[in-house]
PDB file of N, CA and C in Angstrom:
ATOM      1  N   MET A   1      -1.775  -2.153  -3.988  1.00  0.00           N
ATOM      2  CA  MET A   1      -2.298  -0.939  -3.062  1.00  0.00           C
ATOM      3  C   MET A   1      -1.189  -0.729  -2.048  1.00  0.00           C
ATOM      4  N   ARG A   2      -0.921   0.545  -1.918  1.00  0.00           N
ATOM      5  CA  ARG A   2       0.081   1.107  -1.074  1.00  0.00           C
ATOM      6  C   ARG A   2      -0.563   1.145   0.397  1.00  0.00           C
ATOM      7  N   LEU A   3       0.109   0.800   1.472  1.00  0.00           N
ATOM      8  CA  LEU A   3      -0.393   0.807   2.694  1.00  0.00           C
ATOM      9  C   LEU A   3       0.022   2.093   3.343  1.00  0.00           C
ATOM     10  N   HIS A   4      -0.728   2.739   3.981  1.00  0.00           N
ATOM     11  CA  HIS A   4      -0.426   3.995   4.733  1.00  0.00           C
ATOM     12  C   HIS A   4      -0.570   3.673   6.318  1.00  0.00           C
ATOM     13  N   ARG A   5       0.315   4.274   7.052  1.00  0.00           N
ATOM     14  CA  ARG A   5       0.257   4.290   8.302  1.00  0.00           C
ATOM     15  C   ARG A   5      -1.169   4.614   8.953  1.00  0.00           C
ATOM     16  N   GLY A   6      -1.566   3.890  10.010  1.00  0.00           N
ATOM     17  CA  GLY A   6      -3.141   4.133  10.544  1.00  0.00           C
ATOM     18  C   GLY A   6      -3.766   2.737  10.645  1.00  0.00           C
ATOM     19  N   TRP A   7      -5.181   2.831  10.678  1.00  0.00           N
ATOM     20  CA  TRP A   7      -5.864   1.634  11.100  1.00  0.00           C
ATOM     21  C   TRP A   7      -6.803   1.484   9.938  1.00  0.00           C
ATOM     22  N   TYR A   8      -6.819   0.063   9.486  1.00  0.00           N
ATOM     23  CA  TYR A   8      -7.506  -0.294   8.447  1.00  0.00           C
ATOM     24  C   TYR A   8      -8.835  -1.259   9.193  1.00  0.00           C
ATOM     25  N   LEU A   9     -10.054  -0.819   8.821  1.00  0.00           N
ATOM     26  CA  LEU A   9     -11.132  -1.498   9.441  1.00  0.00           C
ATOM     27  C   LEU A   9     -11.811  -2.299   8.130  1.00  0.00           C
ATOM     28  N   TYR A  10     -12.233  -3.557   8.484  1.00  0.00           N
ATOM     29  CA  TYR A  10     -12.647  -4.507   7.444  1.00  0.00           C
ATOM     30  C   TYR A  10     -14.109  -4.988   7.842  1.00  0.00           C
ATOM     31  N   VAL A  11     -15.116  -4.953   6.979  1.00  0.00           N
ATOM     32  CA  VAL A  11     -16.258  -5.300   7.405  1.00  0.00           C
ATOM     33  C   VAL A  11     -16.665  -6.590   6.597  1.00  0.00           C
ATOM     34  N   GLY A  12     -17.073  -7.564   7.315  1.00  0.00           N
ATOM     35  CA  GLY A  12     -17.484  -8.776   6.509  1.00  0.00           C
ATOM     36  C   GLY A  12     -18.635  -9.654   7.155  1.00  0.00           C
ATOM     37  N   SER A  13     -18.946 -10.700   6.635  1.00  0.00           N
ATOM     38  CA  SER A  13     -19.957 -11.641   7.420  1.00  0.00           C
ATOM     39  C   SER A  13     -19.521 -12.886   7.315  1.00  0.00           C
ATOM     40  N   ALA A  14     -20.320 -13.628   8.189  1.00  0.00           N
ATOM     41  CA  ALA A  14     -19.985 -15.027   8.425  1.00  0.00           C
ATOM     42  C   ALA A  14     -20.972 -16.127   8.355  1.00  0.00           C
ATOM     43  N   PHE A  15     -21.604 -16.195   7.124  1.00  0.00           N
ATOM     44  CA  PHE A  15     -22.760 -16.813   7.039  1.00  0.00           C
ATOM     45  C   PHE A  15     -22.448 -18.239   6.345  1.00  0.00           C
ATOM     46  N   GLY A  16     -21.237 -18.615   6.104  1.00  0.00           N
ATOM     47  CA  GLY A  16     -20.751 -20.097   5.577  1.00  0.00           C
ATOM     48  C   GLY A  16     -20.798 -21.028   6.468  1.00  0.00           C
ATOM     49  N   PRO A  17     -20.541 -22.274   6.182  1.00  0.00           N
ATOM     50  CA  PRO A  17     -20.251 -23.392   7.164  1.00  0.00           C
ATOM     51  C   PRO A  17     -19.570 -23.019   8.343  1.00  0.00           C
ATOM     52  N   GLY A  18     -19.905 -23.420   9.278  1.00  0.00           N
ATOM     53  CA  GLY A  18     -19.186 -23.121  10.703  1.00  0.00           C
ATOM     54  C   GLY A  18     -19.327 -21.798  11.286  1.00  0.00           C
ATOM     55  N   GLY A  19     -20.170 -20.732  10.530  1.00  0.00           N
ATOM     56  CA  GLY A  19     -20.579 -19.764  11.094  1.00  0.00           C
ATOM     57  C   GLY A  19     -19.387 -18.580  11.369  1.00  0.00           C
ATOM     58  N   LEU A  20     -19.449 -17.815  12.465  1.00  0.00           N
ATOM     59  CA  LEU A  20     -18.660 -16.990  12.970  1.00  0.00           C
ATOM     60  C   LEU A  20     -17.304 -17.574  13.501  1.00  0.00           C
ATOM     61  N   GLY A  21     -17.245 -18.625  14.209  1.00  0.00           N
ATOM     62  CA  GLY A  21     -16.212 -19.306  14.699  1.00  0.00           C
ATOM     63  C   GLY A  21     -15.239 -19.749  13.497  1.00  0.00           C
ATOM     64  N   ALA A  22     -15.794 -20.343  12.565  1.00  0.00           N
ATOM     65  CA  ALA A  22     -15.035 -20.800  11.525  1.00  0.00           C
ATOM     66  C   ALA A  22     -14.369 -19.650  10.754  1.00  0.00           C
ATOM     67  N   ARG A  23     -15.226 -18.646  10.497  1.00  0.00           N
ATOM     68  CA  ARG A  23     -14.584 -17.476   9.583  1.00  0.00           C
ATOM     69  C   ARG A  23     -13.585 -16.699  10.538  1.00  0.00           C
ATOM     70  N   LEU A  24     -13.722 -16.366  11.737  1.00  0.00           N
ATOM     71  CA  LEU A  24     -12.781 -15.781  12.570  1.00  0.00           C
ATOM     72  C   LEU A  24     -11.543 -16.672  12.539  1.00  0.00           C
ATOM     73  N   GLY A  25     -11.738 -17.997  12.853  1.00  0.00           N
ATOM     74  CA  GLY A  25     -10.487 -18.874  13.003  1.00  0.00           C
ATOM     75  C   GLY A  25      -9.520 -18.843  11.717  1.00  0.00           C
ATOM     76  N   ARG A  26     -10.318 -18.777  10.508  1.00  0.00           N
ATOM     77  CA  ARG A  26      -9.691 -18.822   9.418  1.00  0.00           C
ATOM     78  C   ARG A  26      -8.889 -17.435   9.084  1.00  0.00           C
ATOM     79  N   HIS A  27      -9.517 -16.328   9.582  1.00  0.00           N
ATOM     80  CA  HIS A  27      -8.811 -15.060   9.494  1.00  0.00           C
ATOM     81  C   HIS A  27      -7.708 -14.969  10.436  1.00  0.00           C
ATOM     82  N   LEU A  28      -7.691 -15.629  11.427  1.00  0.00           N
ATOM     83  CA  LEU A  28      -6.631 -15.540  12.454  1.00  0.00           C
ATOM     84  C   LEU A  28      -5.353 -16.646  12.162  1.00  0.00           C
ATOM     85  N   ARG A  29      -5.569 -17.465  11.252  1.00  0.00           N
ATOM     86  CA  ARG A  29      -4.544 -18.397  10.806  1.00  0.00           C
ATOM     87  C   ARG A  29      -3.531 -17.603   9.964  1.00  0.00           C
ATOM     88  N   THR A  30      -2.361 -18.011  10.255  1.00  0.00           N
ATOM     89  CA  THR A  30      -1.294 -17.390   9.476  1.00  0.00           C
ATOM     90  C   THR A  30      -1.167 -18.270   8.150  1.00  0.00           C
ATOM     91  N   THR A  31      -1.431 -19.530   8.026  1.00  0.00           N
ATOM     92  CA  THR A  31      -1.167 -20.335   6.841  1.00  0.00           C
ATOM     93  C   THR A  31      -2.283 -20.665   6.340  1.00  0.00           C
ATOM     94  N   LYS A  32      -2.699 -20.139   5.080  1.00  0.00           N
ATOM     95  CA  LYS A  32      -4.073 -20.501   4.381  1.00  0.00           C
ATOM     96  C   LYS A  32      -3.877 -20.153   3.013  1.00  0.00           C
ATOM     97  N   ARG A  33      -4.723 -20.783   2.227  1.00  0.00           N
ATOM     98  CA  ARG A  33      -4.939 -20.453   0.872  1.00  0.00           C
ATOM     99  C   ARG A  33      -5.662 -19.061   0.804  1.00  0.00           C
ATOM    100  N   ARG A  34      -5.415 -18.187  -0.124  1.00  0.00           N
ATOM    101  CA  ARG A  34      -5.997 -16.756  -0.394  1.00  0.00           C
ATOM    102  C   ARG A  34      -7.290 -17.030  -1.231  1.00  0.00           C
ATOM    103  N   HIS A  35      -8.253 -16.748  -0.440  1.00  0.00           N
ATOM    104  CA  HIS A  35      -9.632 -16.818  -1.182  1.00  0.00           C
ATOM    105  C   HIS A  35     -10.303 -15.371  -1.276  1.00  0.00           C
ATOM    106  N   TRP A  36     -10.346 -14.592  -0.067  1.00  0.00           N
ATOM    107  CA  TRP A  36     -11.036 -13.502  -0.039  1.00  0.00           C
ATOM    108  C   TRP A  36      -9.895 -12.251  -0.282  1.00  0.00           C
ATOM    109  N   HIS A  37     -10.546 -11.075  -0.536  1.00  0.00           N
ATOM    110  CA  HIS A  37      -9.607  -9.867  -0.578  1.00  0.00           C
ATOM    111  C   HIS A  37      -8.834  -9.587   0.862  1.00  0.00           C
ATOM    112  N   ILE A  38      -9.587  -9.920   1.860  1.00  0.00           N
ATOM    113  CA  ILE A  38      -8.857  -9.777   3.299  1.00  0.00           C
ATOM    114  C   ILE A  38      -7.669 -10.690   3.539  1.00  0.00           C
ATOM    115  N   ASP A  39      -7.670 -11.878   2.792  1.00  0.00           N
ATOM    116  CA  ASP A  39      -6.589 -12.753   3.023  1.00  0.00           C
ATOM    117  C   ASP A  39      -5.193 -11.973   2.662  1.00  0.00           C
ATOM    118  N   THR A  40      -5.171 -11.378   1.648  1.00  0.00           N
ATOM    119  CA  THR A  40      -4.060 -10.699   1.096  1.00  0.00           C
ATOM    120  C   THR A  40      -3.512  -9.487   2.075  1.00  0.00           C
ATOM    121  N   LEU A  41      -4.500  -8.749   2.426  1.00  0.00           N
ATOM    122  CA  LEU A  41      -4.297  -7.818   3.256  1.00  0.00           C
ATOM    123  C   LEU A  41      -3.758  -8.247   4.743  1.00  0.00           C
ATOM    124  N   LEU A  42      -4.152  -9.409   5.104  1.00  0.00           N
ATOM    125  CA  LEU A  42      -3.841  -9.756   6.491  1.00  0.00           C
ATOM    126  C   LEU A  42      -2.473 -10.195   6.298  1.00  0.00           C
ATOM    127  N   ASP A  43      -1.761 -10.553   5.164  1.00  0.00           N
ATOM    128  CA  ASP A  43      -0.326 -10.928   5.224  1.00  0.00           C
ATOM    129  C   ASP A  43       0.601  -9.615   5.588  1.00  0.00           C
ATOM    130  N   HIS A  44      -0.029  -8.455   5.548  1.00  0.00           N
ATOM    131  CA  HIS A  44       0.658  -7.348   5.712  1.00  0.00           C
ATOM    132  C   HIS A  44       0.200  -6.499   7.157  1.00  0.00           C
ATOM    133  N   CYS A  45      -1.003  -6.622   7.445  1.00  0.00           N
ATOM    134  CA  CYS A  45      -1.372  -6.040   8.807  1.00  0.00           C
ATOM    135  C   CYS A  45      -1.988  -6.990   9.535  1.00  0.00           C
ATOM    136  N   PRO A  46      -1.355  -7.047  10.886  1.00  0.00           N
ATOM    137  CA  PRO A  46      -2.023  -7.937  11.886  1.00  0.00           C
ATOM    138  C   PRO A  46      -3.312  -7.328  12.452  1.00  0.00           C
ATOM    139  N   ILE A  47      -4.092  -8.383  12.816  1.00  0.00           N
ATOM    140  CA  ILE A  47      -5.459  -8.111  13.441  1.00  0.00           C
ATOM    141  C   ILE A  47      -5.185  -7.613  14.951  1.00  0.00           C
ATOM    142  N   ARG A  48      -5.701  -6.449  15.034  1.00  0.00           N
ATOM    143  CA  ARG A  48      -5.727  -5.925  16.500  1.00  0.00           C
ATOM    144  C   ARG A  48      -6.819  -5.965  17.310  1.00  0.00           C
ATOM    145  N   GLN A  49      -8.115  -5.812  16.701  1.00  0.00           N
ATOM    146  CA  GLN A  49      -9.276  -6.029  17.447  1.00  0.00           C
ATOM    147  C   GLN A  49     -10.194  -6.773  16.365  1.00  0.00           C
ATOM    148  N   ILE A  50     -11.258  -7.489  16.961  1.00  0.00           N
ATOM    149  CA  ILE A  50     -12.431  -8.000  16.130  1.00  0.00           C
ATOM    150  C   ILE A  50     -13.553  -7.545  16.919  1.00  0.00           C
ATOM    151  N   TRP A  51     -14.454  -6.752  16.019  1.00  0.00           N
ATOM    152  CA  TRP A  51     -15.782  -6.594  16.639  1.00  0.00           C
ATOM    153  C   TRP A  51     -16.786  -7.229  15.902  1.00  0.00           C
ATOM    154  N   TYR A  52     -17.999  -7.768  16.586  1.00  0.00           N
ATOM    155  CA  TYR A  52     -18.908  -8.439  15.892  1.00  0.00           C
ATOM    156  C   TYR A  52     -20.273  -8.433  16.513  1.00  0.00           C
ATOM    157  N   ARG A  53     -21.108  -8.655  15.734  1.00  0.00           N
ATOM    158  CA  ARG A  53     -22.648  -8.643  16.354  1.00  0.00           C
ATOM    159  C   ARG A  53     -23.250  -9.791  15.398  1.00  0.00           C
ATOM    160  N   CYS A  54     -24.016 -10.632  16.109  1.00  0.00           N
ATOM    161  CA  CYS A  54     -24.931 -11.674  15.460  1.00  0.00           C
ATOM    162  C   CYS A  54     -26.081 -10.960  14.949  1.00  0.00           C
ATOM    163  N   ALA A  55     -26.423 -10.841  13.917  1.00  0.00           N
ATOM    164  CA  ALA A  55     -27.500 -10.328  13.192  1.00  0.00           C
ATOM    165  C   ALA A  55     -27.732 -10.745  11.777  1.00  0.00           C
ATOM    166  N   GLY A  56     -28.615 -10.089  11.116  1.00  0.00           N
ATOM    167  CA  GLY A  56     -28.954 -10.476   9.769  1.00  0.00           C
ATOM    168  C   GLY A  56     -27.906 -10.102   8.671  1.00  0.00           C
ATOM    169  N   ARG A  57     -28.164 -10.552   7.405  1.00  0.00           N
ATOM    170  CA  ARG A  57     -27.165 -10.505   6.369  1.00  0.00           C
ATOM    171  C   ARG A  57     -27.047  -9.043   5.880  1.00  0.00           C
ATOM    172  N   GLU A  58     -27.702  -8.157   6.142  1.00  0.00           N
ATOM    173  CA  GLU A  58     -27.536  -6.758   5.583  1.00  0.00           C
ATOM    174  C   GLU A  58     -26.526  -6.011   6.697  1.00  0.00           C
ATOM    175  N   LEU A  59     -26.322  -6.553   7.727  1.00  0.00           N
ATOM    176  CA  LEU A  59     -25.570  -5.872   8.841  1.00  0.00           C
ATOM    177  C   LEU A  59     -24.163  -5.379   7.933  1.00  0.00           C
ATOM    178  N   GLU A  60     -23.510  -6.299   7.384  1.00  0.00           N
ATOM    179  CA  GLU A  60     -22.150  -5.865   6.958  1.00  0.00           C
ATOM    180  C   GLU A  60     -22.225  -4.653   6.052  1.00  0.00           C
ATOM    181  N   HIS A  61     -23.285  -4.491   5.168  1.00  0.00           N
ATOM    182  CA  HIS A  61     -23.553  -3.412   4.389  1.00  0.00           C
ATOM    183  C   HIS A  61     -23.905  -2.023   5.061  1.00  0.00           C
ATOM    184  N   ARG A  62     -24.541  -2.201   6.019  1.00  0.00           N
ATOM    185  CA  ARG A  62     -25.078  -1.002   6.998  1.00  0.00           C
ATOM    186  C   ARG A  62     -24.016  -0.513   7.740  1.00  0.00           C
ATOM    187  N   TRP A  63     -23.088  -1.550   8.168  1.00  0.00           N
ATOM    188  CA  TRP A  63     -21.740  -1.025   8.989  1.00  0.00           C
ATOM    189  C   TRP A  63     -20.679  -0.336   7.977  1.00  0.00           C
ATOM    190  N   ALA A  64     -20.606  -0.869   7.009  1.00  0.00           N
ATOM    191  CA  ALA A  64     -19.668  -0.307   5.895  1.00  0.00           C
ATOM    192  C   ALA A  64     -20.268   1.240   5.572  1.00  0.00           C
ATOM    193  N   GLN A  65     -21.522   1.291   5.350  1.00  0.00           N
ATOM    194  CA  GLN A  65     -22.005   2.615   4.973  1.00  0.00           C
ATOM    195  C   GLN A  65     -21.807   3.682   6.071  1.00  0.00           C
ATOM    196  N   LEU A  66     -22.165   3.330   7.297  1.00  0.00           N
ATOM    197  CA  LEU A  66     -22.044   3.990   8.593  1.00  0.00           C
ATOM    198  C   LEU A  66     -20.447   4.314   8.997  1.00  0.00           C
ATOM    199  N   LEU A  67     -19.688   3.492   8.816  1.00  0.00           N
ATOM    200  CA  LEU A  67     -18.202   3.437   9.029  1.00  0.00           C
ATOM    201  C   LEU A  67     -17.683   4.724   7.975  1.00  0.00           C
ATOM    202  N   LEU A  68     -18.113   4.712   6.785  1.00  0.00           N
ATOM    203  CA  LEU A  68     -17.662   5.615   5.703  1.00  0.00           C
ATOM    204  C   LEU A  68     -18.257   6.906   5.773  1.00  0.00           C
ATOM    205  N   SER A  69     -19.491   7.045   6.683  1.00  0.00           N
ATOM    206  CA  SER A  69     -19.891   8.356   6.818  1.00  0.00           C
ATOM    207  C   SER A  69     -19.163   9.041   8.067  1.00  0.00           C
ATOM    208  N   GLN A  70     -18.223   8.617   8.745  1.00  0.00           N
ATOM    209  CA  GLN A  70     -17.549   9.198   9.612  1.00  0.00           C
ATOM    210  C   GLN A  70     -16.549  10.180   9.214  1.00  0.00           C
ATOM    211  N   HIS A  71     -16.332  11.000  10.021  1.00  0.00           N
ATOM    212  CA  HIS A  71     -15.409  12.194   9.661  1.00  0.00           C
ATOM    213  C   HIS A  71     -13.982  11.579   9.469  1.00  0.00           C
ATOM    214  N   ASP A  72     -13.107  12.214   8.577  1.00  0.00           N
ATOM    215  CA  ASP A  72     -11.802  11.753   8.665  1.00  0.00           C
ATOM    216  C   ASP A  72     -11.570  10.068   8.502  1.00  0.00           C
ATOM    217  N   VAL A  73     -12.333   9.521   7.689  1.00  0.00           N
ATOM    218  CA  VAL A  73     -11.993   8.079   7.187  1.00  0.00           C
ATOM    219  C   VAL A  73     -12.157   8.145   5.651  1.00  0.00           C
ATOM    220  N   ILE A  74     -11.414   7.045   5.107  1.00  0.00           N
ATOM    221  CA  ILE A  74     -11.473   7.222   3.508  1.00  0.00           C
ATOM    222  C   ILE A  74     -11.640   5.698   3.249  1.00  0.00           C
ATOM    223  N   VAL A  75     -11.717   5.589   1.726  1.00  0.00           N
ATOM    224  CA  VAL A  75     -11.874   4.209   1.147  1.00  0.00           C
ATOM    225  C   VAL A  75     -10.405   4.063   0.514  1.00  0.00           C
ATOM    226  N   PRO A  76      -9.690   3.194   1.088  1.00  0.00           N
ATOM    227  CA  PRO A  76      -8.201   3.141   0.585  1.00  0.00           C
ATOM    228  C   PRO A  76      -8.186   2.265  -0.705  1.00  0.00           C
ATOM    229  N   LEU A  77      -9.159   1.376  -0.898  1.00  0.00           N
ATOM    230  CA  LEU A  77      -9.254   0.720  -2.269  1.00  0.00           C
ATOM    231  C   LEU A  77     -10.652   0.216  -2.468  1.00  0.00           C
ATOM    232  N   ALA A  78     -11.093   1.189  -3.642  1.00  0.00           N
ATOM    233  CA  ALA A  78     -12.521   1.008  -3.965  1.00  0.00           C
ATOM    234  C   ALA A  78     -12.926  -0.442  -4.314  1.00  0.00           C
ATOM    235  N   GLY A  79     -14.133  -1.014  -3.760  1.00  0.00           N
ATOM    236  CA  GLY A  79     -14.474  -2.379  -4.098  1.00  0.00           C
ATOM    237  C   GLY A  79     -13.986  -3.413  -3.223  1.00  0.00           C
ATOM    238  N   PHE A  80     -12.898  -2.969  -2.548  1.00  0.00           N
ATOM    239  CA  PHE A  80     -12.226  -4.171  -1.550  1.00  0.00           C
ATOM    240  C   PHE A  80     -13.432  -4.877  -0.730  1.00  0.00           C
ATOM    241  N   GLY A  81     -13.269  -6.156  -0.856  1.00  0.00           N
ATOM    242  CA  GLY A  81     -14.371  -6.839  -0.063  1.00  0.00           C
ATOM    243  C   GLY A  81     -15.942  -6.725  -0.631  1.00  0.00           C
ATOM    244  N   ALA A  82     -15.974  -6.128  -1.510  1.00  0.00           N
ATOM    245  CA  ALA A  82     -17.520  -5.663  -1.909  1.00  0.00           C
ATOM    246  C   ALA A  82     -17.734  -5.977  -3.214  1.00  0.00           C
ATOM    247  N   SER A  83     -17.047  -6.948  -3.792  1.00  0.00           N
ATOM    248  CA  SER A  83     -17.206  -7.226  -5.147  1.00  0.00           C
ATOM    249  C   SER A  83     -18.591  -8.224  -5.310  1.00  0.00           C
ATOM    250  N   ASP A  84     -19.368  -8.399  -4.293  1.00  0.00           N
ATOM    251  CA  ASP A  84     -20.811  -9.058  -4.674  1.00  0.00           C
ATOM    252  C   ASP A  84     -21.844  -8.135  -3.909  1.00  0.00           C
ATOM    253  N   CYS A  85     -21.481  -6.611  -3.843  1.00  0.00           N
ATOM    254  CA  CYS A  85     -22.617  -5.823  -3.335  1.00  0.00           C
ATOM    255  C   CYS A  85     -22.339  -4.576  -3.819  1.00  0.00           C
ATOM    256  N   LEU A  86     -23.194  -3.435  -3.610  1.00  0.00           N
ATOM    257  CA  LEU A  86     -23.163  -2.231  -4.176  1.00  0.00           C
ATOM    258  C   LEU A  86     -22.288  -1.357  -3.365  1.00  0.00           C
ATOM    259  N   CYS A  87     -21.803  -1.638  -2.316  1.00  0.00           N
ATOM    260  CA  CYS A  87     -20.929  -0.760  -1.400  1.00  0.00           C
ATOM    261  C   CYS A  87     -19.781  -0.274  -2.031  1.00  0.00           C
ATOM    262  N   ARG A  88     -19.308   0.882  -1.866  1.00  0.00           N
ATOM    263  CA  ARG A  88     -18.028   1.387  -2.235  1.00  0.00           C
ATOM    264  C   ARG A  88     -16.895   0.596  -1.982  1.00  0.00           C
ATOM    265  N   SER A  89     -16.851   0.114  -0.601  1.00  0.00           N
ATOM    266  CA  SER A  89     -15.741  -0.827  -0.251  1.00  0.00           C
ATOM    267  C   SER A  89     -16.300  -1.310   1.390  1.00  0.00           C
ATOM    268  N   HIS A  90     -15.558  -2.338   1.734  1.00  0.00           N
ATOM    269  CA  HIS A  90     -15.719  -2.985   2.887  1.00  0.00           C
ATOM    270  C   HIS A  90     -14.616  -2.755   3.683  1.00  0.00           C
ATOM    271  N   LEU A  91     -13.580  -1.969   2.934  1.00  0.00           N
ATOM    272  CA  LEU A  91     -12.194  -1.658   3.859  1.00  0.00           C
ATOM    273  C   LEU A  91     -12.098  -0.070   3.925  1.00  0.00           C
ATOM    274  N   ILE A  92     -12.017   0.407   5.235  1.00  0.00           N
ATOM    275  CA  ILE A  92     -12.082   1.724   5.609  1.00  0.00           C
ATOM    276  C   ILE A  92     -10.649   1.978   6.280  1.00  0.00           C
ATOM    277  N   TRP A  93     -10.189   3.313   6.129  1.00  0.00           N
ATOM    278  CA  TRP A  93      -8.959   3.498   6.527  1.00  0.00           C
ATOM    279  C   TRP A  93      -8.951   4.736   7.604  1.00  0.00           C
ATOM    280  N   ALA A  94      -8.440   4.671   8.700  1.00  0.00           N
ATOM    281  CA  ALA A  94      -8.726   5.795   9.685  1.00  0.00           C
ATOM    282  C   ALA A  94      -7.144   6.063  10.256  1.00  0.00           C
ATOM    283  N   ARG A  95      -6.778   7.420  10.294  1.00  0.00           N
ATOM    284  CA  ARG A  95      -5.628   7.670  10.734  1.00  0.00           C
ATOM    285  C   ARG A  95      -5.299   7.418  12.040  1.00  0.00           C
ATOM    286  N   SER A  96      -6.066   7.581  12.997  1.00  0.00           N
ATOM    287  CA  SER A  96      -5.681   7.473  14.369  1.00  0.00           C
ATOM    288  C   SER A  96      -6.539   6.409  15.255  1.00  0.00           C
ATOM    289  N   LEU A  97      -6.144   5.784  16.300  1.00  0.00           N
ATOM    290  CA  LEU A  97      -6.923   4.986  17.178  1.00  0.00           C
ATOM    291  C   LEU A  97      -8.056   5.796  17.490  1.00  0.00           C
ATOM    292  N   GLU A  98      -8.019   7.037  17.784  1.00  0.00           N
ATOM    293  CA  GLU A  98      -9.284   7.879  18.291  1.00  0.00           C
ATOM    294  C   GLU A  98     -10.354   7.795  17.186  1.00  0.00           C
ATOM    295  N   LYS A  99      -9.865   7.980  15.994  1.00  0.00           N
ATOM    296  CA  LYS A  99     -10.905   7.792  14.837  1.00  0.00           C
ATOM    297  C   LYS A  99     -11.606   6.484  14.938  1.00  0.00           C
ATOM    298  N   VAL A 100     -10.828   5.407  15.205  1.00  0.00           N
ATOM    299  CA  VAL A 100     -11.461   4.059  15.201  1.00  0.00           C
ATOM    300  C   VAL A 100     -12.402   4.029  16.432  1.00  0.00           C
ATOM    301  N   GLN A 101     -11.988   4.409  17.387  1.00  0.00           N
ATOM    302  CA  GLN A 101     -12.972   4.416  18.749  1.00  0.00           C
ATOM    303  C   GLN A 101     -14.273   5.109  18.359  1.00  0.00           C
ATOM    304  N   GLU A 102     -14.118   6.369  17.705  1.00  0.00           N
ATOM    305  CA  GLU A 102     -15.240   7.110  17.211  1.00  0.00           C
ATOM    306  C   GLU A 102     -16.078   6.100  16.352  1.00  0.00           C
ATOM    307  N   ALA A 103     -15.490   5.463  15.302  1.00  0.00           N
ATOM    308  CA  ALA A 103     -16.216   4.625  14.487  1.00  0.00           C
ATOM    309  C   ALA A 103     -16.839   3.499  15.275  1.00  0.00           C
ATOM    310  N   ARG A 104     -16.211   3.046  16.181  1.00  0.00           N
ATOM    311  CA  ARG A 104     -16.710   1.920  17.041  1.00  0.00           C
ATOM    312  C   ARG A 104     -18.084   2.323  17.664  1.00  0.00           C
ATOM    313  N   GLN A 105     -17.924   3.511  18.381  1.00  0.00           N
ATOM    314  CA  GLN A 105     -19.145   3.978  19.008  1.00  0.00           C
ATOM    315  C   GLN A 105     -20.365   4.239  17.990  1.00  0.00           C
ATOM    316  N   ALA A 106     -20.142   4.570  17.010  1.00  0.00           N
ATOM    317  CA  ALA A 106     -21.091   4.990  15.900  1.00  0.00           C
ATOM    318  C   ALA A 106     -21.746   3.652  15.442  1.00  0.00           C
ATOM    319  N   LEU A 107     -21.108   2.506  15.676  1.00  0.00           N
ATOM    320  CA  LEU A 107     -21.997   1.034  15.406  1.00  0.00           C
ATOM    321  C   LEU A 107     -22.971   0.718  16.391  1.00  0.00           C
ATOM    322  N   GLY A 108     -22.690   1.411  17.653  1.00  0.00           N
ATOM    323  CA  GLY A 108     -23.717   0.675  18.673  1.00  0.00           C
ATOM    324  C   GLY A 108     -23.165  -0.264  19.298  1.00  0.00           C
ATOM    325  N   PRO A 109     -24.011  -1.080  20.099  1.00  0.00           N
ATOM    326  CA  PRO A 109     -23.702  -2.098  20.994  1.00  0.00           C
ATOM    327  C   PRO A 109     -23.089  -3.255  20.245  1.00  0.00           C
ATOM    328  N   ILE A 110     -21.826  -3.667  20.364  1.00  0.00           N
ATOM    329  CA  ILE A 110     -21.023  -4.687  19.738  1.00  0.00           C
ATOM    330  C   ILE A 110     -20.240  -5.404  20.876  1.00  0.00           C
ATOM    331  N   ALA A 111     -19.876  -6.676  20.323  1.00  0.00           N
ATOM    332  CA  ALA A 111     -19.053  -7.434  21.217  1.00  0.00           C
ATOM    333  C   ALA A 111     -17.604  -7.342  20.512  1.00  0.00           C
ATOM    334  N   SER A 112     -16.534  -7.549  21.074  1.00  0.00           N
ATOM    335  CA  SER A 112     -15.375  -7.688  20.839  1.00  0.00           C
ATOM    336  C   SER A 112     -14.433  -8.808  21.255  1.00  0.00           C
ATOM    337  N   LEU A 113     -13.295  -9.096  20.612  1.00  0.00           N
ATOM    338  CA  LEU A 113     -12.365 -10.144  21.041  1.00  0.00           C
ATOM    339  C   LEU A 113     -10.970  -9.292  21.089  1.00  0.00           C
TER     340      LEU A 113
END
């Protein structure tokens, strides 16, 4: 995949052992075994923001669909992070920080780190 300048938004869940803290801690580590699609992307793109909400299992799919419905966002790689569901992708690309902020507002009340 060729990376373009802009902002990459990744939607995932954290229902495994250790929950949200363990999943975020893993994503923030620089040394780890690659297991998920996002692990490879993080070798090339630093994390700038983390948005989260504690909710049911379907939230990641609703967020992916909602983010993809926003104006001027695209799917940079079909199926990325969505190999176990019917979503087009869990990776969304936006050209500008302004588009990222618009997307965040569309998600409703969320917490961030």
